[in-house]
Amino acid sequence: MNQSNCPVPKNQQPTNEFIELSKSKIFSWPKSKKSYVLILLKIWIGTFFLFILISSGSVYFQTDILRYVLLSFFCSLSIPFLFSIRLYLGWKHIFKRLTSEKVEYEESGWYDGQIWIKPLNLKEKESLIALVEVKPILTNLTQIISLIIIFALLGILLFQYKNI
């Protein structure tokens, strides 16, 4: 953005917010789908062992070990799910700011919010960034969240059967 024409503070400009989010260690993980899936698998396995440890304190664990292992296995999906939702919401916010025709900003605090209408060339540039850089990340996160939900629902259905 041209600083002479733009009243938006530098740290609140959508392009700069995108660059800052891209450089963030955690928010840069979903850029590569394979590496993000590996990270989520590590988190899932770690939380699985934590959930096993917690459920082992149950009296019923000693009588029905398989059900509680399955319960721990599918309940441990909640941590990667919440993690992925947080990443999705952060990237979705940037996507909306990049594709919006207006930029909402604050000059010195929450009480003096302003709206600035983007010029056409800036709007086109930021829309291109949103479609080329951010949209694939949102697609990856949507697919991963959908898989986590499917596994969690499968676990709920499997746990409902008392014959296991």
N, C-alpha and C. Protein backbone atom coordinates (compact mmCIF):
# COMPACT_ATOMS: atom_id res chain seq x y z
N MET A 1 0.84 -1.18 0.00
CA MET A 1 0.00 0.00 0.00
C MET A 1 0.87 1.23 0.00
N ASN A 2 0.42 2.21 -0.70
CA ASN A 2 1.13 3.47 -0.73
C ASN A 2 0.86 4.20 0.57
N GLN A 3 1.89 4.45 1.34
CA GLN A 3 1.74 5.04 2.66
C GLN A 3 1.17 6.46 2.62
N SER A 4 1.39 7.20 1.53
CA SER A 4 0.89 8.57 1.47
C SER A 4 -0.62 8.61 1.32
N ASN A 5 -1.22 7.62 0.66
CA ASN A 5 -2.66 7.62 0.44
C ASN A 5 -3.43 6.78 1.45
N CYS A 6 -2.75 5.90 2.11
CA CYS A 6 -3.42 4.93 2.97
C CYS A 6 -3.40 5.38 4.44
N PRO A 7 -4.60 5.58 5.02
CA PRO A 7 -4.65 5.98 6.43
C PRO A 7 -4.55 4.80 7.40
N VAL A 8 -4.60 3.58 6.87
CA VAL A 8 -4.58 2.37 7.72
C VAL A 8 -3.19 2.18 8.29
N PRO A 9 -3.08 1.98 9.62
CA PRO A 9 -1.76 1.70 10.20
C PRO A 9 -1.13 0.47 9.56
N LYS A 10 0.17 0.48 9.48
CA LYS A 10 0.91 -0.57 8.76
C LYS A 10 0.59 -1.97 9.28
N ASN A 11 0.46 -2.15 10.58
CA ASN A 11 0.22 -3.48 11.13
C ASN A 11 -1.22 -3.95 10.95
N GLN A 12 -2.12 -3.07 10.49
CA GLN A 12 -3.51 -3.44 10.26
C GLN A 12 -3.86 -3.56 8.78
N GLN A 13 -2.88 -3.39 7.92
CA GLN A 13 -3.12 -3.54 6.49
C GLN A 13 -3.20 -5.03 6.17
N PRO A 14 -4.21 -5.44 5.39
CA PRO A 14 -4.41 -6.87 5.13
C PRO A 14 -3.19 -7.59 4.55
N THR A 15 -2.47 -6.96 3.66
CA THR A 15 -1.28 -7.61 3.08
C THR A 15 -0.23 -7.85 4.15
N ASN A 16 -0.02 -6.88 5.01
CA ASN A 16 0.96 -7.05 6.09
C ASN A 16 0.49 -8.07 7.12
N GLU A 17 -0.82 -8.13 7.37
CA GLU A 17 -1.34 -9.15 8.28
C GLU A 17 -1.13 -10.54 7.69
N PHE A 18 -1.30 -10.67 6.38
CA PHE A 18 -1.05 -11.96 5.71
C PHE A 18 0.42 -12.36 5.84
N ILE A 19 1.32 -11.42 5.60
CA ILE A 19 2.75 -11.71 5.70
C ILE A 19 3.11 -12.11 7.13
N GLU A 20 2.57 -11.41 8.09
CA GLU A 20 2.85 -11.71 9.50
C GLU A 20 2.32 -13.10 9.88
N LEU A 21 1.12 -13.43 9.41
CA LEU A 21 0.55 -14.74 9.71
C LEU A 21 1.33 -15.84 9.00
N SER A 22 1.80 -15.57 7.79
CA SER A 22 2.58 -16.56 7.05
C SER A 22 3.92 -16.85 7.73
N LYS A 23 4.49 -15.86 8.38
CA LYS A 23 5.76 -16.04 9.05
C LYS A 23 5.61 -16.69 10.43
N SER A 24 4.40 -16.71 10.94
CA SER A 24 4.13 -17.31 12.24
C SER A 24 4.45 -18.80 12.19
N LYS A 25 5.08 -19.30 13.22
CA LYS A 25 5.50 -20.70 13.23
C LYS A 25 4.31 -21.65 13.15
N ILE A 26 3.31 -21.44 13.96
CA ILE A 26 2.16 -22.35 14.00
C ILE A 26 1.24 -22.15 12.80
N PHE A 27 0.96 -20.92 12.42
CA PHE A 27 0.04 -20.67 11.31
C PHE A 27 0.64 -21.02 9.95
N SER A 28 1.93 -21.22 9.87
CA SER A 28 2.53 -21.61 8.60
C SER A 28 2.47 -23.12 8.38
N TRP A 29 2.12 -23.89 9.40
CA TRP A 29 2.05 -25.35 9.25
C TRP A 29 1.07 -25.81 8.17
N PRO A 30 -0.14 -25.25 8.08
CA PRO A 30 -1.07 -25.79 7.08
C PRO A 30 -0.73 -25.44 5.63
N LYS A 31 0.32 -24.70 5.40
CA LYS A 31 0.71 -24.39 4.02
C LYS A 31 1.05 -25.65 3.25
N SER A 32 1.66 -26.62 3.92
CA SER A 32 1.96 -27.92 3.32
C SER A 32 1.04 -28.94 3.98
N LYS A 33 0.18 -29.55 3.18
CA LYS A 33 -0.81 -30.46 3.75
C LYS A 33 -0.17 -31.69 4.39
N LYS A 34 0.87 -32.24 3.76
CA LYS A 34 1.51 -33.44 4.29
C LYS A 34 2.17 -33.19 5.63
N SER A 35 2.91 -32.09 5.73
CA SER A 35 3.59 -31.81 7.00
C SER A 35 2.58 -31.49 8.10
N TYR A 36 1.49 -30.82 7.75
CA TYR A 36 0.48 -30.51 8.75
C TYR A 36 -0.22 -31.78 9.24
N VAL A 37 -0.48 -32.70 8.33
CA VAL A 37 -1.10 -33.97 8.73
C VAL A 37 -0.15 -34.73 9.66
N LEU A 38 1.14 -34.72 9.37
CA LEU A 38 2.10 -35.39 10.25
C LEU A 38 2.13 -34.75 11.63
N ILE A 39 2.08 -33.44 11.69
CA ILE A 39 2.06 -32.73 12.97
C ILE A 39 0.80 -33.10 13.75
N LEU A 40 -0.35 -33.13 13.05
CA LEU A 40 -1.60 -33.50 13.72
C LEU A 40 -1.57 -34.94 14.21
N LEU A 41 -0.95 -35.83 13.45
CA LEU A 41 -0.84 -37.22 13.89
C LEU A 41 0.01 -37.32 15.16
N LYS A 42 1.09 -36.55 15.22
CA LYS A 42 1.92 -36.54 16.43
C LYS A 42 1.13 -36.03 17.63
N ILE A 43 0.37 -34.96 17.41
CA ILE A 43 -0.46 -34.41 18.49
C ILE A 43 -1.51 -35.43 18.92
N TRP A 44 -2.12 -36.09 17.94
CA TRP A 44 -3.15 -37.08 18.22
C TRP A 44 -2.59 -38.25 19.04
N ILE A 45 -1.44 -38.75 18.65
CA ILE A 45 -0.83 -39.87 19.38
C ILE A 45 -0.44 -39.45 20.80
N GLY A 46 0.11 -38.25 20.93
CA GLY A 46 0.47 -37.75 22.26
C GLY A 46 -0.74 -37.60 23.16
N THR A 47 -1.81 -37.04 22.63
CA THR A 47 -3.01 -36.89 23.45
C THR A 47 -3.70 -38.23 23.70
N PHE A 48 -3.54 -39.18 22.78
CA PHE A 48 -4.09 -40.52 23.00
C PHE A 48 -3.47 -41.15 24.24
N PHE A 49 -2.16 -41.07 24.37
CA PHE A 49 -1.51 -41.64 25.54
C PHE A 49 -1.91 -40.90 26.81
N LEU A 50 -2.11 -39.60 26.72
CA LEU A 50 -2.59 -38.84 27.86
C LEU A 50 -4.00 -39.27 28.26
N PHE A 51 -4.87 -39.45 27.26
CA PHE A 51 -6.24 -39.88 27.53
C PHE A 51 -6.27 -41.31 28.07
N ILE A 52 -5.39 -42.18 27.59
CA ILE A 52 -5.30 -43.55 28.14
C ILE A 52 -4.92 -43.49 29.61
N LEU A 53 -3.96 -42.63 29.92
CA LEU A 53 -3.52 -42.49 31.31
C LEU A 53 -4.68 -42.01 32.19
N ILE A 54 -5.46 -41.07 31.68
CA ILE A 54 -6.59 -40.56 32.45
C ILE A 54 -7.66 -41.64 32.63
N SER A 55 -8.00 -42.34 31.54
CA SER A 55 -9.07 -43.34 31.64
C SER A 55 -8.63 -44.58 32.40
N SER A 56 -7.34 -44.80 32.56
CA SER A 56 -6.89 -45.98 33.31
C SER A 56 -7.22 -45.87 34.79
N GLY A 57 -7.54 -44.71 35.25
CA GLY A 57 -7.93 -44.53 36.64
C GLY A 57 -9.37 -44.92 36.91
N SER A 58 -10.11 -45.23 35.85
CA SER A 58 -11.52 -45.62 36.01
C SER A 58 -11.63 -47.06 36.49
N VAL A 59 -12.63 -47.30 37.32
CA VAL A 59 -12.88 -48.65 37.80
C VAL A 59 -13.33 -49.53 36.64
N TYR A 60 -14.09 -48.97 35.73
CA TYR A 60 -14.61 -49.73 34.60
C TYR A 60 -13.52 -50.09 33.59
N PHE A 61 -12.41 -49.39 33.63
CA PHE A 61 -11.31 -49.65 32.70
C PHE A 61 -10.79 -51.08 32.86
N GLN A 62 -10.78 -51.56 34.08
CA GLN A 62 -10.26 -52.90 34.33
C GLN A 62 -11.19 -53.99 33.80
N THR A 63 -12.49 -53.70 33.69
CA THR A 63 -13.42 -54.72 33.20
C THR A 63 -13.63 -54.64 31.69
N ASP A 64 -13.46 -53.49 31.10
CA ASP A 64 -13.75 -53.32 29.67
C ASP A 64 -12.64 -52.48 29.03
N ILE A 65 -11.46 -53.06 28.95
CA ILE A 65 -10.28 -52.33 28.48
C ILE A 65 -10.43 -51.85 27.04
N LEU A 66 -10.95 -52.68 26.16
CA LEU A 66 -11.06 -52.32 24.74
C LEU A 66 -11.93 -51.10 24.53
N ARG A 67 -13.06 -51.03 25.24
CA ARG A 67 -13.94 -49.86 25.08
C ARG A 67 -13.25 -48.58 25.52
N TYR A 68 -12.48 -48.63 26.59
CA TYR A 68 -11.84 -47.42 27.08
C TYR A 68 -10.62 -47.04 26.25
N VAL A 69 -9.99 -48.00 25.64
CA VAL A 69 -8.91 -47.68 24.70
C VAL A 69 -9.51 -46.99 23.47
N LEU A 70 -10.62 -47.55 22.97
CA LEU A 70 -11.29 -46.92 21.83
C LEU A 70 -11.82 -45.53 22.20
N LEU A 71 -12.38 -45.40 23.39
CA LEU A 71 -12.87 -44.11 23.84
C LEU A 71 -11.72 -43.09 23.91
N SER A 72 -10.61 -43.49 24.44
CA SER A 72 -9.44 -42.60 24.52
C SER A 72 -8.94 -42.26 23.12
N PHE A 73 -8.96 -43.25 22.24
CA PHE A 73 -8.48 -43.06 20.88
C PHE A 73 -9.30 -42.00 20.14
N PHE A 74 -10.61 -42.08 20.28
CA PHE A 74 -11.46 -41.15 19.56
C PHE A 74 -11.65 -39.82 20.30
N CYS A 75 -11.59 -39.82 21.61
CA CYS A 75 -11.67 -38.56 22.36
C CYS A 75 -10.42 -37.71 22.16
N SER A 76 -9.31 -38.37 21.93
CA SER A 76 -8.07 -37.62 21.72
C SER A 76 -8.09 -36.85 20.41
N LEU A 77 -9.07 -37.11 19.56
CA LEU A 77 -9.24 -36.32 18.33
C LEU A 77 -9.66 -34.88 18.63
N SER A 78 -10.17 -34.65 19.83
CA SER A 78 -10.65 -33.30 20.15
C SER A 78 -9.53 -32.26 20.13
N ILE A 79 -8.34 -32.64 20.52
CA ILE A 79 -7.24 -31.67 20.54
C ILE A 79 -6.82 -31.27 19.13
N PRO A 80 -6.55 -32.22 18.21
CA PRO A 80 -6.25 -31.79 16.84
C PRO A 80 -7.42 -31.05 16.19
N PHE A 81 -8.65 -31.40 16.56
CA PHE A 81 -9.82 -30.71 16.01
C PHE A 81 -9.83 -29.24 16.44
N LEU A 82 -9.65 -29.00 17.73
CA LEU A 82 -9.64 -27.62 18.23
C LEU A 82 -8.47 -26.82 17.65
N PHE A 83 -7.34 -27.48 17.53
CA PHE A 83 -6.16 -26.85 16.94
C PHE A 83 -6.43 -26.44 15.49
N SER A 84 -7.03 -27.35 14.73
CA SER A 84 -7.32 -27.07 13.33
C SER A 84 -8.39 -25.99 13.18
N ILE A 85 -9.37 -25.98 14.06
CA ILE A 85 -10.40 -24.94 14.02
C ILE A 85 -9.77 -23.57 14.26
N ARG A 86 -8.84 -23.49 15.20
CA ARG A 86 -8.18 -22.21 15.49
C ARG A 86 -7.39 -21.72 14.28
N LEU A 87 -6.68 -22.61 13.62
CA LEU A 87 -5.94 -22.23 12.43
C LEU A 87 -6.89 -21.82 11.30
N TYR A 88 -7.99 -22.55 11.16
CA TYR A 88 -8.96 -22.21 10.12
C TYR A 88 -9.54 -20.82 10.35
N LEU A 89 -9.90 -20.51 11.58
CA LEU A 89 -10.49 -19.20 11.88
C LEU A 89 -9.50 -18.06 11.62
N GLY A 90 -8.23 -18.28 11.95
CA GLY A 90 -7.22 -17.26 11.68
C GLY A 90 -7.03 -17.00 10.19
N TRP A 91 -6.93 -18.08 9.41
CA TRP A 91 -6.75 -17.92 7.97
C TRP A 91 -8.02 -17.38 7.31
N LYS A 92 -9.19 -17.76 7.81
CA LYS A 92 -10.45 -17.25 7.26
C LYS A 92 -10.57 -15.75 7.49
N HIS A 93 -10.12 -15.29 8.64
CA HIS A 93 -10.14 -13.84 8.93
C HIS A 93 -9.26 -13.09 7.93
N ILE A 94 -8.08 -13.60 7.68
CA ILE A 94 -7.17 -12.95 6.72
C ILE A 94 -7.78 -12.99 5.32
N PHE A 95 -8.40 -14.11 4.96
CA PHE A 95 -9.03 -14.23 3.64
C PHE A 95 -10.12 -13.17 3.47
N LYS A 96 -10.94 -12.99 4.50
CA LYS A 96 -12.01 -11.99 4.43
C LYS A 96 -11.43 -10.58 4.33
N ARG A 97 -10.38 -10.30 5.06
CA ARG A 97 -9.78 -8.95 5.00
C ARG A 97 -9.14 -8.70 3.64
N LEU A 98 -8.54 -9.74 3.05
CA LEU A 98 -7.92 -9.57 1.74
C LEU A 98 -8.95 -9.39 0.63
N THR A 99 -10.07 -10.06 0.71
CA THR A 99 -11.07 -9.99 -0.36
C THR A 99 -12.10 -8.88 -0.16
N SER A 100 -12.10 -8.26 0.98
CA SER A 100 -13.06 -7.20 1.26
C SER A 100 -12.74 -5.93 0.46
N GLU A 101 -13.78 -5.19 0.13
CA GLU A 101 -13.59 -3.92 -0.57
C GLU A 101 -13.19 -2.80 0.39
N LYS A 102 -13.49 -3.02 1.66
CA LYS A 102 -13.20 -2.01 2.68
C LYS A 102 -12.27 -2.58 3.73
N VAL A 103 -11.49 -1.71 4.32
CA VAL A 103 -10.59 -2.12 5.41
C VAL A 103 -11.05 -1.40 6.67
N GLU A 104 -11.42 -2.18 7.66
CA GLU A 104 -11.76 -1.61 8.96
C GLU A 104 -10.48 -1.54 9.79
N TYR A 105 -10.25 -0.41 10.41
CA TYR A 105 -9.02 -0.24 11.18
C TYR A 105 -9.28 0.68 12.36
N GLU A 106 -8.35 0.67 13.29
CA GLU A 106 -8.42 1.51 14.48
C GLU A 106 -7.17 2.38 14.52
N GLU A 107 -7.38 3.66 14.69
CA GLU A 107 -6.22 4.56 14.70
C GLU A 107 -5.45 4.49 16.01
N SER A 108 -6.17 4.50 17.13
CA SER A 108 -5.45 4.44 18.40
C SER A 108 -6.09 3.50 19.41
N GLY A 109 -7.29 3.03 19.16
CA GLY A 109 -7.94 2.12 20.09
C GLY A 109 -9.27 1.65 19.55
N TRP A 110 -9.96 0.83 20.30
CA TRP A 110 -11.21 0.24 19.85
C TRP A 110 -12.31 1.27 19.66
N TYR A 111 -12.21 2.41 20.29
CA TYR A 111 -13.28 3.39 20.29
C TYR A 111 -13.26 4.31 19.08
N ASP A 112 -12.24 4.26 18.27
CA ASP A 112 -12.18 5.17 17.11
C ASP A 112 -11.98 4.39 15.81
N GLY A 113 -12.81 3.38 15.59
CA GLY A 113 -12.71 2.58 14.38
C GLY A 113 -13.07 3.39 13.14
N GLN A 114 -12.37 3.11 12.07
CA GLN A 114 -12.58 3.79 10.79
C GLN A 114 -12.73 2.74 9.70
N ILE A 115 -13.24 3.17 8.56
CA ILE A 115 -13.35 2.30 7.38
C ILE A 115 -12.71 3.03 6.21
N TRP A 116 -11.85 2.31 5.52
CA TRP A 116 -11.18 2.86 4.34
C TRP A 116 -11.51 1.99 3.14
N ILE A 117 -11.92 2.59 2.05
CA ILE A 117 -12.25 1.85 0.84
C ILE A 117 -10.98 1.69 0.02
N LYS A 118 -10.69 0.43 -0.35
CA LYS A 118 -9.47 0.13 -1.08
C LYS A 118 -9.56 0.65 -2.52
N PRO A 119 -8.45 1.14 -3.05
CA PRO A 119 -8.43 1.46 -4.48
C PRO A 119 -8.46 0.16 -5.30
N LEU A 120 -8.83 0.28 -6.55
CA LEU A 120 -9.04 -0.89 -7.41
C LEU A 120 -7.77 -1.74 -7.57
N ASN A 121 -6.62 -1.10 -7.77
CA ASN A 121 -5.38 -1.88 -7.98
C ASN A 121 -4.98 -2.66 -6.72
N LEU A 122 -5.19 -2.07 -5.56
CA LEU A 122 -4.90 -2.77 -4.31
C LEU A 122 -5.88 -3.92 -4.07
N LYS A 123 -7.14 -3.67 -4.39
CA LYS A 123 -8.17 -4.71 -4.24
C LYS A 123 -7.86 -5.92 -5.12
N GLU A 124 -7.41 -5.67 -6.35
CA GLU A 124 -7.06 -6.77 -7.25
C GLU A 124 -5.84 -7.53 -6.76
N LYS A 125 -4.85 -6.80 -6.29
CA LYS A 125 -3.63 -7.43 -5.77
C LYS A 125 -3.94 -8.32 -4.57
N GLU A 126 -4.72 -7.80 -3.63
CA GLU A 126 -5.04 -8.58 -2.43
C GLU A 126 -5.98 -9.73 -2.73
N SER A 127 -6.88 -9.57 -3.71
CA SER A 127 -7.74 -10.68 -4.10
C SER A 127 -6.93 -11.81 -4.71
N LEU A 128 -5.91 -11.45 -5.47
CA LEU A 128 -5.03 -12.46 -6.05
C LEU A 128 -4.26 -13.21 -4.96
N ILE A 129 -3.76 -12.47 -3.98
CA ILE A 129 -3.07 -13.10 -2.84
C ILE A 129 -4.02 -14.06 -2.13
N ALA A 130 -5.27 -13.62 -1.93
CA ALA A 130 -6.25 -14.45 -1.22
C ALA A 130 -6.54 -15.73 -2.00
N LEU A 131 -6.70 -15.62 -3.31
CA LEU A 131 -7.05 -16.80 -4.10
C LEU A 131 -5.89 -17.76 -4.31
N VAL A 132 -4.68 -17.22 -4.47
CA VAL A 132 -3.53 -18.07 -4.76
C VAL A 132 -2.88 -18.61 -3.49
N GLU A 133 -2.80 -17.82 -2.46
CA GLU A 133 -2.08 -18.22 -1.25
C GLU A 133 -2.99 -18.75 -0.14
N VAL A 134 -4.09 -18.04 0.13
CA VAL A 134 -4.89 -18.36 1.31
C VAL A 134 -5.96 -19.42 1.02
N LYS A 135 -6.57 -19.37 -0.13
CA LYS A 135 -7.65 -20.31 -0.47
C LYS A 135 -7.21 -21.77 -0.40
N PRO A 136 -6.02 -22.15 -0.93
CA PRO A 136 -5.58 -23.55 -0.78
C PRO A 136 -5.38 -23.98 0.68
N ILE A 137 -4.93 -23.05 1.51
CA ILE A 137 -4.76 -23.35 2.93
C ILE A 137 -6.12 -23.63 3.57
N LEU A 138 -7.11 -22.80 3.25
CA LEU A 138 -8.45 -23.01 3.78
C LEU A 138 -9.05 -24.32 3.29
N THR A 139 -8.78 -24.66 2.04
CA THR A 139 -9.26 -25.94 1.49
C THR A 139 -8.63 -27.12 2.22
N ASN A 140 -7.33 -27.06 2.44
CA ASN A 140 -6.63 -28.12 3.19
C ASN A 140 -7.20 -28.27 4.60
N LEU A 141 -7.38 -27.14 5.27
CA LEU A 141 -7.89 -27.19 6.63
C LEU A 141 -9.32 -27.72 6.67
N THR A 142 -10.14 -27.36 5.69
CA THR A 142 -11.51 -27.86 5.62
C THR A 142 -11.52 -29.38 5.44
N GLN A 143 -10.66 -29.88 4.57
CA GLN A 143 -10.59 -31.32 4.35
C GLN A 143 -10.12 -32.06 5.61
N ILE A 144 -9.13 -31.51 6.28
CA ILE A 144 -8.61 -32.14 7.49
C ILE A 144 -9.64 -32.12 8.61
N ILE A 145 -10.33 -31.00 8.78
CA ILE A 145 -11.37 -30.91 9.80
C ILE A 145 -12.50 -31.89 9.49
N SER A 146 -12.85 -32.03 8.23
CA SER A 146 -13.90 -32.99 7.83
C SER A 146 -13.48 -34.42 8.17
N LEU A 147 -12.23 -34.76 7.91
CA LEU A 147 -11.75 -36.10 8.26
C LEU A 147 -11.78 -36.35 9.77
N ILE A 148 -11.38 -35.35 10.52
CA ILE A 148 -11.40 -35.49 11.98
C ILE A 148 -12.84 -35.71 12.46
N ILE A 149 -13.79 -34.96 11.90
CA ILE A 149 -15.19 -35.12 12.30
C ILE A 149 -15.70 -36.51 11.93
N ILE A 150 -15.33 -37.00 10.74
CA ILE A 150 -15.76 -38.34 10.33
C ILE A 150 -15.20 -39.40 11.28
N PHE A 151 -13.91 -39.29 11.62
CA PHE A 151 -13.32 -40.25 12.57
C PHE A 151 -13.98 -40.17 13.94
N ALA A 152 -14.28 -38.97 14.40
CA ALA A 152 -14.92 -38.81 15.70
C ALA A 152 -16.33 -39.41 15.69
N LEU A 153 -17.09 -39.18 14.63
CA LEU A 153 -18.42 -39.76 14.54
C LEU A 153 -18.36 -41.28 14.45
N LEU A 154 -17.39 -41.78 13.72
CA LEU A 154 -17.19 -43.23 13.64
C LEU A 154 -16.89 -43.80 15.02
N GLY A 155 -16.08 -43.10 15.77
CA GLY A 155 -15.75 -43.54 17.13
C GLY A 155 -16.96 -43.52 18.04
N ILE A 156 -17.80 -42.50 17.89
CA ILE A 156 -19.01 -42.43 18.72
C ILE A 156 -19.94 -43.60 18.40
N LEU A 157 -20.11 -43.86 17.11
CA LEU A 157 -20.96 -44.99 16.71
C LEU A 157 -20.38 -46.31 17.19
N LEU A 158 -19.10 -46.46 17.07
CA LEU A 158 -18.45 -47.70 17.49
C LEU A 158 -18.55 -47.90 19.00
N PHE A 159 -18.44 -46.81 19.74
CA PHE A 159 -18.50 -46.90 21.20
C PHE A 159 -19.91 -47.20 21.70
N GLN A 160 -20.92 -46.89 20.91
CA GLN A 160 -22.31 -47.11 21.33
C GLN A 160 -22.65 -48.59 21.42
N TYR A 161 -21.96 -49.42 20.65
CA TYR A 161 -22.22 -50.86 20.70
C TYR A 161 -21.65 -51.43 21.98
N LYS A 162 -22.43 -52.15 22.69
CA LYS A 162 -22.00 -52.70 23.97
C LYS A 162 -21.31 -54.04 23.83
N ASN A 163 -21.34 -54.63 22.63
CA ASN A 163 -20.77 -55.96 22.42
C ASN A 163 -19.28 -55.93 22.15
N ILE A 164 -18.67 -54.79 22.04
CA ILE A 164 -17.25 -54.72 21.69
C ILE A 164 -16.41 -55.20 22.85
